[in-house]
């Protein structure tokens, strides 16, 4: 609301792209966040978005600076847990642990306090205090039977901490509880349970080995090729191949540039007009074009 209408729309488009890409393509989300930051660095929402984009790409020092700026602008403490986790990411778990004991934690809502507990437990493990990490995660939120958005992650972290200290049976129990609460699939609790139970998953759609039954049937003349030959005889002679046997290749996928043009529109123009730099290098499209089909070897 503090920006002129056109500029506000440009900034908003970039923030929308940050939100859309943050999970699936953090590097590109980071690029959009830098555009928004150059356009409106004095807007708290922009600093917060830039912080999360930096956090997602492992740029913890940048993220911490952006989160601190957003906190100064708003006076809110809701970013306190992720700020502490940035300290962990920078190799300073003792600072993260100190932040867990600050008065700001008492001002957090229940979800924020759970996040802070998770960060503190992680800091304990970073410092080699695995048993203390188990104790840190214990509390009324862990004992509660109600399922909240953070329940699965808390139970999963507790199970992982138990496993780290050799309490495998208890860990299995808590991985099962995490899976029960994980309706959105935010953890890999099912895989961890299978690992503890010695279950190995096999891809049923994987191609058969060339030396398997299908290959043996083909060698004996009883396989699919023989059956196809019988059907061909019944249907008459095969049509003459007048081409070179190459498959047509489609246009391929469009690159991320089209998304930028469609998503930011006037935003890109605003950046160019203002003389600002373009966002960081985007990952190039590395998808391989489909190769030519094998030549027709029918005689």
Protein backbone atom coordinates (compact mmCIF):
# COMPACT_ATOMS: atom_id res chain seq x y z
CA UNK A 1 0.00 0.00 0.00
CA UNK A 2 3.00 2.31 0.43
CA UNK A 3 4.02 1.99 -3.25
CA UNK A 4 2.63 3.62 -6.40
CA UNK A 5 0.09 1.36 -8.07
CA UNK A 6 2.19 0.31 -11.07
CA UNK A 7 5.25 -0.40 -8.94
CA UNK A 8 3.14 -2.27 -6.38
CA UNK A 9 1.81 -4.54 -9.14
CA UNK A 10 5.30 -5.24 -10.42
CA UNK A 11 6.53 -6.13 -6.94
CA UNK A 12 3.48 -8.28 -6.29
CA UNK A 13 4.05 -10.31 -9.48
CA UNK A 14 7.59 -11.09 -8.41
CA UNK A 15 6.46 -12.09 -4.91
CA UNK A 16 3.84 -14.42 -6.41
CA UNK A 17 6.55 -16.11 -8.46
CA UNK A 18 8.72 -16.50 -5.35
CA UNK A 19 5.87 -18.28 -3.60
CA UNK A 20 5.15 -20.52 -6.60
CA UNK A 21 8.75 -21.57 -7.18
CA UNK A 22 10.15 -21.68 -3.66
CA UNK A 23 9.69 -25.44 -3.21
CA UNK A 24 10.24 -26.72 -6.76
CA UNK A 25 12.93 -24.32 -8.02
CA UNK A 26 14.52 -22.35 -5.16
CA UNK A 27 17.24 -20.81 -7.33
CA UNK A 28 14.71 -19.26 -9.69
CA UNK A 29 12.58 -18.12 -6.75
CA UNK A 30 15.70 -16.45 -5.39
CA UNK A 31 16.10 -14.57 -8.70
CA UNK A 32 12.56 -13.20 -8.50
CA UNK A 33 13.10 -12.21 -4.87
CA UNK A 34 16.14 -10.14 -5.85
CA UNK A 35 14.07 -8.29 -8.45
CA UNK A 36 11.42 -7.48 -5.84
CA UNK A 37 14.13 -6.44 -3.40
CA UNK A 38 15.62 -3.97 -5.87
CA UNK A 39 12.20 -2.52 -6.57
CA UNK A 40 10.97 -2.17 -2.98
CA UNK A 41 13.60 -2.85 -0.34
CA UNK A 42 11.70 -0.86 2.28
CA UNK A 43 8.66 -3.13 2.24
CA UNK A 44 8.68 -5.71 5.05
CA UNK A 45 6.93 -8.39 2.99
CA UNK A 46 9.63 -8.09 0.32
CA UNK A 47 12.43 -8.46 2.89
CA UNK A 48 10.69 -11.50 4.37
CA UNK A 49 10.21 -13.13 0.96
CA UNK A 50 13.85 -12.45 0.09
CA UNK A 51 14.83 -14.04 3.39
CA UNK A 52 12.94 -17.25 2.70
CA UNK A 53 14.31 -17.45 -0.84
CA UNK A 54 17.86 -17.07 0.48
CA UNK A 55 17.14 -19.61 3.22
CA UNK A 56 15.86 -22.14 0.67
CA UNK A 57 19.07 -21.86 -1.36
CA UNK A 58 21.37 -22.20 1.66
CA UNK A 59 22.44 -18.53 1.73
CA UNK A 60 21.97 -18.33 5.48
CA UNK A 61 23.87 -15.09 6.09
CA UNK A 62 21.74 -13.28 3.49
CA UNK A 63 18.58 -14.85 4.90
CA UNK A 64 19.39 -13.79 8.45
CA UNK A 65 20.04 -10.20 7.32
CA UNK A 66 16.70 -10.06 5.49
CA UNK A 67 14.79 -11.58 8.41
CA UNK A 68 16.34 -9.09 10.81
CA UNK A 69 15.35 -6.23 8.51
CA UNK A 70 11.76 -7.50 8.29
CA UNK A 71 11.62 -7.82 12.08
CA UNK A 72 12.85 -4.26 12.56
CA UNK A 73 10.16 -3.00 10.19
CA UNK A 74 7.27 -4.91 11.74
CA UNK A 75 8.33 -5.50 15.35
CA UNK A 76 7.01 -9.07 15.00
CA UNK A 77 8.76 -12.06 16.58
CA UNK A 78 7.27 -14.70 14.30
CA UNK A 79 10.54 -15.04 12.35
CA UNK A 80 12.54 -15.78 15.51
CA UNK A 81 12.73 -19.59 14.99
CA UNK A 82 13.90 -19.37 11.37
CA UNK A 83 16.43 -16.71 12.37
CA UNK A 84 17.80 -19.15 14.93
CA UNK A 85 17.94 -21.86 12.30
CA UNK A 86 19.98 -19.53 10.08
CA UNK A 87 22.51 -19.39 12.92
CA UNK A 88 22.65 -23.18 12.78
CA UNK A 89 23.12 -23.06 9.03
CA UNK A 90 26.07 -20.70 9.51
CA UNK A 91 27.71 -23.21 11.87
CA UNK A 92 26.80 -21.39 15.08
CA UNK A 93 24.46 -23.79 16.96
CA UNK A 94 25.37 -22.23 20.30
CA UNK A 95 23.80 -18.94 19.16
CA UNK A 96 20.67 -20.75 18.03
CA UNK A 97 20.46 -22.39 21.45
CA UNK A 98 20.87 -19.04 23.16
CA UNK A 99 18.03 -17.61 21.08
CA UNK A 100 15.81 -20.46 22.31
CA UNK A 101 16.10 -19.04 25.80
CA UNK A 102 15.34 -15.42 24.92
CA UNK A 103 12.09 -13.66 26.04
CA UNK A 104 10.96 -13.46 22.39
CA UNK A 105 10.13 -17.18 22.48
CA UNK A 106 7.41 -16.56 25.06
CA UNK A 107 5.73 -14.16 22.63
CA UNK A 108 5.44 -16.82 19.91
CA UNK A 109 2.19 -18.66 19.29
CA UNK A 110 2.01 -22.42 19.81
CA UNK A 111 3.23 -23.23 16.28
CA UNK A 112 6.16 -20.84 16.68
CA UNK A 113 7.15 -22.38 20.00
CA UNK A 114 7.13 -25.84 18.43
CA UNK A 115 9.36 -24.56 15.63
CA UNK A 116 11.72 -23.09 18.20
CA UNK A 117 11.82 -26.43 20.02
CA UNK A 118 12.72 -28.19 16.77
CA UNK A 119 15.52 -25.71 16.08
CA UNK A 120 16.87 -26.03 19.63
CA UNK A 121 16.90 -29.82 19.38
CA UNK A 122 18.75 -29.58 16.08
CA UNK A 123 21.29 -27.26 17.69
CA UNK A 124 21.81 -29.78 20.49
CA UNK A 125 22.54 -32.50 17.94
CA UNK A 126 24.89 -30.17 16.05
CA UNK A 127 26.84 -29.80 19.28
CA UNK A 128 26.99 -33.57 19.82
CA UNK A 129 24.38 -33.56 22.60
CA UNK A 130 22.08 -36.26 21.25
CA UNK A 131 20.51 -37.18 24.60
CA UNK A 132 19.78 -33.52 25.33
CA UNK A 133 18.07 -33.26 21.94
CA UNK A 134 15.65 -36.02 22.96
CA UNK A 135 14.79 -34.18 26.17
CA UNK A 136 14.40 -30.85 24.34
CA UNK A 137 11.66 -32.28 22.11
CA UNK A 138 9.63 -33.65 25.00
CA UNK A 139 6.70 -31.52 26.08
CA UNK A 140 2.92 -31.17 26.08
CA UNK A 141 2.82 -30.71 22.29
CA UNK A 142 4.53 -34.06 21.78
CA UNK A 143 2.26 -35.82 24.29
CA UNK A 144 -0.93 -34.37 22.81
CA UNK A 145 -3.19 -36.70 20.82
CA UNK A 146 -4.62 -33.88 18.70
CA UNK A 147 -3.18 -33.47 15.22
CA UNK A 148 -1.93 -30.00 14.33
CA UNK A 149 -0.04 -28.80 11.21
CA UNK A 150 3.25 -29.26 13.07
CA UNK A 151 2.44 -32.61 14.76
CA UNK A 152 3.97 -34.88 12.11
CA UNK A 153 7.24 -32.95 11.99
CA UNK A 154 7.56 -32.87 15.79
CA UNK A 155 6.94 -36.61 16.10
CA UNK A 156 9.32 -37.31 13.23
CA UNK A 157 12.09 -35.22 14.82
CA UNK A 158 11.56 -37.02 18.12
CA UNK A 159 11.74 -40.43 16.43
CA UNK A 160 14.93 -39.41 14.64
CA UNK A 161 16.46 -38.18 17.89
CA UNK A 162 15.57 -41.48 19.62
CA UNK A 163 17.20 -43.42 16.79
CA UNK A 164 20.36 -41.32 17.12
CA UNK A 165 20.77 -42.48 20.75
CA UNK A 166 20.10 -46.14 19.93
CA UNK A 167 16.50 -46.41 21.16
CA UNK A 168 15.33 -48.16 18.02
CA UNK A 169 12.06 -49.68 19.29
CA UNK A 170 10.84 -46.34 20.60
CA UNK A 171 11.98 -44.66 17.40
CA UNK A 172 9.92 -47.08 15.34
CA UNK A 173 6.86 -46.31 17.47
CA UNK A 174 7.25 -42.57 16.95
CA UNK A 175 7.90 -42.87 13.23
CA UNK A 176 4.59 -44.74 13.07
CA UNK A 177 2.89 -41.94 15.00
CA UNK A 178 4.44 -39.37 12.69
CA UNK A 179 3.14 -41.26 9.66
CA UNK A 180 -0.33 -41.38 11.21
CA UNK A 181 -0.36 -37.59 11.57
CA UNK A 182 1.36 -36.85 8.25
CA UNK A 183 -1.67 -36.47 6.02
CA UNK A 184 0.10 -34.09 3.65
CA UNK A 185 3.20 -36.23 3.10
CA UNK A 186 5.60 -33.66 4.56
CA UNK A 187 7.96 -36.29 5.99
CA UNK A 188 9.45 -39.57 4.80
CA UNK A 189 8.24 -41.43 7.89
CA UNK A 190 6.97 -44.34 5.78
CA UNK A 191 10.43 -44.86 4.27
CA UNK A 192 12.09 -44.69 7.68
CA UNK A 193 9.65 -47.29 9.02
CA UNK A 194 10.33 -49.58 6.08
CA UNK A 195 14.05 -49.19 6.63
CA UNK A 196 13.73 -50.16 10.28
CA UNK A 197 11.59 -53.18 9.34
CA UNK A 198 14.03 -54.28 6.64
CA UNK A 199 11.47 -53.81 3.85
CA UNK A 200 12.86 -53.05 0.41
CA UNK A 201 10.63 -51.54 -2.26
CA UNK A 202 10.99 -52.76 -5.86
CA UNK A 203 9.76 -50.84 -8.89
CA UNK A 204 7.18 -53.13 -10.49
CA UNK A 205 7.32 -51.11 -13.72
CA UNK A 206 11.07 -51.53 -14.21
CA UNK A 207 12.00 -53.18 -17.54
CA UNK A 208 12.82 -56.85 -17.40
CA UNK A 209 16.41 -57.97 -17.61
CA UNK A 210 17.49 -58.77 -21.16
CA UNK A 211 18.42 -62.26 -20.07
CA UNK A 212 14.97 -62.89 -18.54
CA UNK A 213 12.05 -64.96 -19.83
CA UNK A 214 11.09 -62.44 -22.50
CA UNK A 215 14.54 -62.64 -24.07
CA UNK A 216 14.52 -66.43 -23.92
CA UNK A 217 11.13 -66.58 -25.64
CA UNK A 218 12.34 -64.25 -28.36
CA UNK A 219 15.43 -66.38 -28.92
CA UNK A 220 13.27 -69.49 -29.24
CA UNK A 221 10.95 -67.81 -31.73
CA UNK A 222 8.00 -67.91 -29.34
CA UNK A 223 8.13 -64.32 -28.12
CA UNK A 224 6.24 -61.20 -29.12
CA UNK A 225 8.16 -60.85 -32.40
CA UNK A 226 6.93 -64.23 -33.60
CA UNK A 227 3.36 -63.39 -32.68
CA UNK A 228 3.68 -60.05 -34.43
CA UNK A 229 4.90 -61.86 -37.54
CA UNK A 230 1.85 -64.11 -37.53
CA UNK A 231 -0.43 -61.09 -37.28
CA UNK A 232 1.44 -59.36 -40.09
CA UNK A 233 1.03 -62.39 -42.37
CA UNK A 234 -2.69 -62.42 -41.68
CA UNK A 235 -3.06 -58.72 -42.38
CA UNK A 236 -1.19 -58.75 -45.67
CA UNK A 237 2.10 -57.13 -46.73
CA UNK A 238 3.52 -54.28 -44.69
CA UNK A 239 3.31 -50.79 -46.23
CA UNK A 240 6.41 -49.50 -47.96
CA UNK A 241 8.42 -47.04 -45.82
CA UNK A 242 8.99 -44.02 -48.07
CA UNK A 243 10.74 -41.86 -45.41
CA UNK A 244 14.09 -42.20 -43.73
CA UNK A 245 12.59 -43.72 -40.57
CA UNK A 246 13.23 -40.67 -38.42
CA UNK A 247 10.67 -39.68 -35.82
CA UNK A 248 9.35 -36.13 -35.90
CA UNK A 249 10.76 -34.05 -33.08
CA UNK A 250 8.42 -31.62 -31.34
CA UNK A 251 9.18 -28.11 -30.43
CA UNK A 252 10.27 -29.15 -26.90
CA UNK A 253 9.58 -27.43 -23.67
CA UNK A 254 9.72 -23.69 -23.45
CA UNK A 255 12.30 -22.26 -21.08
CA UNK A 256 11.77 -20.32 -17.93
CA UNK A 257 12.00 -17.08 -19.90
CA UNK A 258 8.40 -17.35 -21.09
CA UNK A 259 7.30 -17.70 -17.46
CA UNK A 260 9.21 -14.56 -16.57
CA UNK A 261 7.64 -12.63 -19.48
CA UNK A 262 4.16 -13.81 -18.56
CA UNK A 263 4.60 -13.63 -14.79
CA UNK A 264 6.35 -10.29 -14.38
CA UNK A 265 5.26 -8.38 -17.49
CA UNK A 266 5.71 -4.73 -16.75
CA UNK A 267 7.90 -5.68 -13.78
CA UNK A 268 10.78 -6.57 -16.05
CA UNK A 269 10.34 -3.26 -17.89
CA UNK A 270 10.34 -1.42 -14.58
CA UNK A 271 13.64 -3.02 -13.62
CA UNK A 272 15.17 -2.21 -17.01
CA UNK A 273 13.96 1.38 -17.00
CA UNK A 274 15.31 1.93 -13.51
CA UNK A 275 18.74 0.70 -14.60
CA UNK A 276 18.66 -2.20 -12.16
CA UNK A 277 20.42 -5.46 -12.79
CA UNK A 278 18.59 -8.53 -13.90
CA UNK A 279 18.04 -11.31 -11.33
CA UNK A 280 20.71 -13.92 -10.82
CA UNK A 281 21.47 -16.45 -13.50
CA UNK A 282 18.64 -18.84 -13.94
CA UNK A 283 19.35 -22.55 -14.36
CA UNK A 284 19.41 -23.40 -18.04
CA UNK A 285 16.92 -25.79 -19.57
CA UNK A 286 18.85 -29.08 -19.54
CA UNK A 287 16.12 -31.28 -20.86
CA UNK A 288 17.41 -33.39 -23.76
CA UNK A 289 15.60 -33.28 -27.06
CA UNK A 290 14.21 -36.67 -28.01
CA UNK A 291 16.56 -38.56 -30.26
CA UNK A 292 15.75 -39.95 -33.69
CA UNK A 293 13.85 -43.17 -33.84
CA UNK A 294 15.81 -46.23 -34.99
CA UNK A 295 15.78 -46.82 -38.75
CA UNK A 296 13.15 -49.11 -40.14
CA UNK A 297 14.88 -52.45 -40.69
CA UNK A 298 11.96 -54.16 -42.34
CA UNK A 299 12.91 -55.80 -45.66
